[in-house]
Structures are given as C-alpha cells and as structure tokens.
PDB file of N, CA and C in Angstrom:
ATOM      1  N   MET A   1     -11.666  -0.815  14.260  1.00  0.00           N
ATOM      2  CA  MET A   1     -11.817  -1.942  13.635  1.00  0.00           C
ATOM      3  C   MET A   1     -11.744  -2.777  15.399  1.00  0.00           C
ATOM      4  N   SER A   2     -12.390  -3.358  15.758  1.00  0.00           N
ATOM      5  CA  SER A   2     -11.763  -4.684  17.481  1.00  0.00           C
ATOM      6  C   SER A   2     -10.886  -5.581  16.836  1.00  0.00           C
ATOM      7  N   GLU A   3     -10.450  -5.669  18.052  1.00  0.00           N
ATOM      8  CA  GLU A   3      -9.595  -6.660  17.863  1.00  0.00           C
ATOM      9  C   GLU A   3     -10.114  -8.420  17.066  1.00  0.00           C
ATOM     10  N   GLN A   4     -11.419  -8.375  17.780  1.00  0.00           N
ATOM     11  CA  GLN A   4     -12.179 -10.461  17.269  1.00  0.00           C
ATOM     12  C   GLN A   4     -12.052  -9.871  15.708  1.00  0.00           C
ATOM     13  N   GLY A   5     -12.848  -8.398  15.522  1.00  0.00           N
ATOM     14  CA  GLY A   5     -12.566  -8.494  14.140  1.00  0.00           C
ATOM     15  C   GLY A   5     -12.130  -7.687  12.549  1.00  0.00           C
ATOM     16  N   SER A   6     -10.708  -7.995  12.669  1.00  0.00           N
ATOM     17  CA  SER A   6      -9.416  -8.001  12.535  1.00  0.00           C
ATOM     18  C   SER A   6      -8.412  -9.531  12.603  1.00  0.00           C
ATOM     19  N   PHE A   7      -9.152  -9.748  13.382  1.00  0.00           N
ATOM     20  CA  PHE A   7      -9.136 -11.574  13.778  1.00  0.00           C
ATOM     21  C   PHE A   7      -9.531 -12.144  12.298  1.00  0.00           C
ATOM     22  N   TRP A   8     -10.418 -11.921  12.214  1.00  0.00           N
ATOM     23  CA  TRP A   8     -11.745 -12.353  10.944  1.00  0.00           C
ATOM     24  C   TRP A   8     -11.305 -11.846   9.895  1.00  0.00           C
ATOM     25  N   GLY A   9     -11.062 -10.719   9.737  1.00  0.00           N
ATOM     26  CA  GLY A   9     -10.691 -10.310   8.791  1.00  0.00           C
ATOM     27  C   GLY A   9      -9.269 -10.585   7.686  1.00  0.00           C
ATOM     28  N   ALA A  10      -8.579 -11.243   8.410  1.00  0.00           N
ATOM     29  CA  ALA A  10      -6.954 -11.620   7.979  1.00  0.00           C
ATOM     30  C   ALA A  10      -7.768 -12.838   6.458  1.00  0.00           C
ATOM     31  N   GLY A  11      -6.358 -12.877   6.242  1.00  0.00           N
ATOM     32  CA  GLY A  11      -6.364 -13.664   4.853  1.00  0.00           C
ATOM     33  C   GLY A  11      -6.372 -15.175   4.678  1.00  0.00           C
ATOM     34  N   CYS A  12      -5.144 -15.176   6.262  1.00  0.00           N
ATOM     35  CA  CYS A  12      -4.193 -16.411   5.749  1.00  0.00           C
ATOM     36  C   CYS A  12      -3.443 -16.680   7.590  1.00  0.00           C
ATOM     37  N   PHE A  13      -4.128 -18.094   8.110  1.00  0.00           N
ATOM     38  CA  PHE A  13      -4.102 -18.202   9.499  1.00  0.00           C
ATOM     39  C   PHE A  13      -3.403 -19.602   9.237  1.00  0.00           C
ATOM     40  N   VAL A  14      -2.529 -18.934  10.929  1.00  0.00           N
ATOM     41  CA  VAL A  14      -1.378 -20.538  11.049  1.00  0.00           C
ATOM     42  C   VAL A  14      -2.200 -21.230  12.340  1.00  0.00           C
ATOM     43  N   GLU A  15      -2.723 -22.534  12.114  1.00  0.00           N
ATOM     44  CA  GLU A  15      -3.018 -22.815  13.632  1.00  0.00           C
ATOM     45  C   GLU A  15      -2.023 -24.067  14.137  1.00  0.00           C
ATOM     46  N   ILE A  16      -1.289 -24.131  15.070  1.00  0.00           N
ATOM     47  CA  ILE A  16      -0.575 -24.792  15.463  1.00  0.00           C
ATOM     48  C   ILE A  16      -0.920 -25.830  16.721  1.00  0.00           C
ATOM     49  N   THR A  17      -1.122 -27.027  16.288  1.00  0.00           N
ATOM     50  CA  THR A  17      -1.820 -28.139  17.400  1.00  0.00           C
ATOM     51  C   THR A  17      -1.035 -29.147  17.924  1.00  0.00           C
ATOM     52  N   ASP A  18      -1.528 -30.009  19.242  1.00  0.00           N
ATOM     53  CA  ASP A  18      -0.642 -30.932  19.549  1.00  0.00           C
ATOM     54  C   ASP A  18      -1.641 -31.356  19.927  1.00  0.00           C
ATOM     55  N   LYS A  19      -2.961 -31.363  18.882  1.00  0.00           N
ATOM     56  CA  LYS A  19      -4.212 -32.356  18.877  1.00  0.00           C
ATOM     57  C   LYS A  19      -4.323 -33.103  20.541  1.00  0.00           C
ATOM     58  N   THR A  20      -4.209 -32.306  21.631  1.00  0.00           N
ATOM     59  CA  THR A  20      -5.219 -31.899  22.864  1.00  0.00           C
ATOM     60  C   THR A  20      -6.635 -31.503  23.088  1.00  0.00           C
ATOM     61  N   LYS A  21      -6.519 -30.305  22.436  1.00  0.00           N
ATOM     62  CA  LYS A  21      -7.956 -29.191  21.819  1.00  0.00           C
ATOM     63  C   LYS A  21      -8.880 -29.492  20.714  1.00  0.00           C
ATOM     64  N   PRO A  22      -9.574 -30.784  20.667  1.00  0.00           N
ATOM     65  CA  PRO A  22     -10.628 -30.926  19.851  1.00  0.00           C
ATOM     66  C   PRO A  22     -11.213 -30.029  19.071  1.00  0.00           C
ATOM     67  N   ALA A  23     -11.043 -28.639  19.593  1.00  0.00           N
ATOM     68  CA  ALA A  23     -12.010 -27.135  18.974  1.00  0.00           C
ATOM     69  C   ALA A  23     -11.286 -26.588  17.989  1.00  0.00           C
ATOM     70  N   MET A  24      -9.670 -26.938  17.596  1.00  0.00           N
ATOM     71  CA  MET A  24      -9.075 -26.497  16.826  1.00  0.00           C
ATOM     72  C   MET A  24     -10.082 -26.600  15.730  1.00  0.00           C
ATOM     73  N   LYS A  25     -10.270 -28.276  15.090  1.00  0.00           N
ATOM     74  CA  LYS A  25     -10.822 -28.867  14.059  1.00  0.00           C
ATOM     75  C   LYS A  25     -12.352 -27.843  13.186  1.00  0.00           C
ATOM     76  N   PRO A  26     -13.426 -27.748  14.157  1.00  0.00           N
ATOM     77  CA  PRO A  26     -14.631 -26.353  13.775  1.00  0.00           C
ATOM     78  C   PRO A  26     -13.441 -25.649  13.361  1.00  0.00           C
ATOM     79  N   THR A  27     -12.277 -25.179  14.260  1.00  0.00           N
ATOM     80  CA  THR A  27     -12.065 -23.349  13.826  1.00  0.00           C
ATOM     81  C   THR A  27     -11.530 -22.802  12.699  1.00  0.00           C
ATOM     82  N   ILE A  28     -10.710 -24.530  12.401  1.00  0.00           N
ATOM     83  CA  ILE A  28      -9.994 -24.738  10.898  1.00  0.00           C
ATOM     84  C   ILE A  28     -10.936 -25.015   9.634  1.00  0.00           C
ATOM     85  N   ASP A  29     -12.009 -25.611   9.764  1.00  0.00           N
ATOM     86  CA  ASP A  29     -12.967 -25.797   8.972  1.00  0.00           C
ATOM     87  C   ASP A  29     -13.873 -24.578   8.611  1.00  0.00           C
ATOM     88  N   LYS A  30     -14.039 -23.755   9.839  1.00  0.00           N
ATOM     89  CA  LYS A  30     -14.645 -22.552   9.610  1.00  0.00           C
ATOM     90  C   LYS A  30     -13.373 -21.696   8.701  1.00  0.00           C
ATOM     91  N   LEU A  31     -12.689 -21.348   8.953  1.00  0.00           N
ATOM     92  CA  LEU A  31     -12.058 -20.867   8.822  1.00  0.00           C
ATOM     93  C   LEU A  31     -11.428 -20.804   7.147  1.00  0.00           C
ATOM     94  N   THR A  32     -11.815 -21.774   6.541  1.00  0.00           N
ATOM     95  CA  THR A  32     -11.226 -22.497   5.565  1.00  0.00           C
ATOM     96  C   THR A  32     -12.693 -22.464   4.676  1.00  0.00           C
ATOM     97  N   SER A  33     -14.071 -22.604   5.325  1.00  0.00           N
ATOM     98  CA  SER A  33     -15.445 -22.160   4.888  1.00  0.00           C
ATOM     99  C   SER A  33     -15.565 -21.393   4.275  1.00  0.00           C
ATOM    100  N   LEU A  34     -14.365 -20.305   5.366  1.00  0.00           N
ATOM    101  CA  LEU A  34     -14.831 -18.709   4.985  1.00  0.00           C
ATOM    102  C   LEU A  34     -13.501 -18.087   3.916  1.00  0.00           C
ATOM    103  N   GLY A  35     -13.169 -19.336   3.361  1.00  0.00           N
ATOM    104  CA  GLY A  35     -12.384 -19.241   1.664  1.00  0.00           C
ATOM    105  C   GLY A  35     -10.619 -18.467   2.804  1.00  0.00           C
ATOM    106  N   LYS A  36     -10.075 -18.552   3.603  1.00  0.00           N
ATOM    107  CA  LYS A  36      -9.238 -17.708   4.213  1.00  0.00           C
ATOM    108  C   LYS A  36      -8.292 -19.667   4.273  1.00  0.00           C
ATOM    109  N   ARG A  37      -6.889 -18.967   3.800  1.00  0.00           N
ATOM    110  CA  ARG A  37      -5.565 -19.847   3.268  1.00  0.00           C
ATOM    111  C   ARG A  37      -5.432 -20.235   5.175  1.00  0.00           C
ATOM    112  N   VAL A  38      -5.767 -21.482   5.345  1.00  0.00           N
ATOM    113  CA  VAL A  38      -5.297 -22.024   6.696  1.00  0.00           C
ATOM    114  C   VAL A  38      -4.709 -23.172   6.456  1.00  0.00           C
ATOM    115  N   TYR A  39      -2.904 -22.945   6.991  1.00  0.00           N
ATOM    116  CA  TYR A  39      -1.859 -23.788   7.477  1.00  0.00           C
ATOM    117  C   TYR A  39      -1.851 -24.359   8.766  1.00  0.00           C
ATOM    118  N   VAL A  40      -1.383 -25.329   8.880  1.00  0.00           N
ATOM    119  CA  VAL A  40      -1.880 -26.202  10.476  1.00  0.00           C
ATOM    120  C   VAL A  40      -0.595 -27.128  10.281  1.00  0.00           C
ATOM    121  N   ILE A  41       0.090 -26.826  11.535  1.00  0.00           N
ATOM    122  CA  ILE A  41       1.566 -27.175  12.553  1.00  0.00           C
ATOM    123  C   ILE A  41       1.056 -28.251  13.452  1.00  0.00           C
ATOM    124  N   ASP A  42       1.377 -29.268  12.996  1.00  0.00           N
ATOM    125  CA  ASP A  42       0.841 -30.522  14.381  1.00  0.00           C
ATOM    126  C   ASP A  42       2.127 -31.069  14.905  1.00  0.00           C
ATOM    127  N   VAL A  43       2.122 -30.474  16.032  1.00  0.00           N
ATOM    128  CA  VAL A  43       3.353 -30.539  17.042  1.00  0.00           C
ATOM    129  C   VAL A  43       2.965 -32.075  18.195  1.00  0.00           C
ATOM    130  N   SER A  44       2.367 -33.150  17.739  1.00  0.00           N
ATOM    131  CA  SER A  44       2.396 -33.476  18.149  1.00  0.00           C
ATOM    132  C   SER A  44       2.883 -34.804  18.407  1.00  0.00           C
ATOM    133  N   ARG A  45       2.876 -35.343  19.286  1.00  0.00           N
ATOM    134  CA  ARG A  45       4.292 -36.710  18.993  1.00  0.00           C
ATOM    135  C   ARG A  45       4.241 -37.914  17.842  1.00  0.00           C
ATOM    136  N   ASN A  46       2.458 -38.325  17.829  1.00  0.00           N
ATOM    137  CA  ASN A  46       2.058 -39.324  17.138  1.00  0.00           C
ATOM    138  C   ASN A  46       1.344 -38.581  15.585  1.00  0.00           C
ATOM    139  N   SER A  47       1.935 -37.669  15.241  1.00  0.00           N
ATOM    140  CA  SER A  47       1.067 -37.357  13.947  1.00  0.00           C
ATOM    141  C   SER A  47       1.468 -37.998  12.268  1.00  0.00           C
TER     142      SER A  47
END
C-alpha cells in the first residue's frame, strides 16, 4: 500500500492548527465525512 493509501486508511486523525492554513478546514470536513474520528488541536493565540 502506498503512503497516501495508508494515510486515508487510518481511522483516527489529529489535526494541529494555528489558524494560518485555511485548507485545514476542508481537510477536517473531508475526513469527518468519510466517517473518520478527527481531533483538532488549536494552538493559535486567539482561540
């Protein structure tokens, strides 16, 4: 299995964000829509 394939095959993800990368939101939404558990850690100062 490719590295990309094994990434999507995981059941649980942790996304760490400082809110400087707007593409993180669609990624989180996509993973959630695929039935994956997604934990988001916000390290921004204005959380």
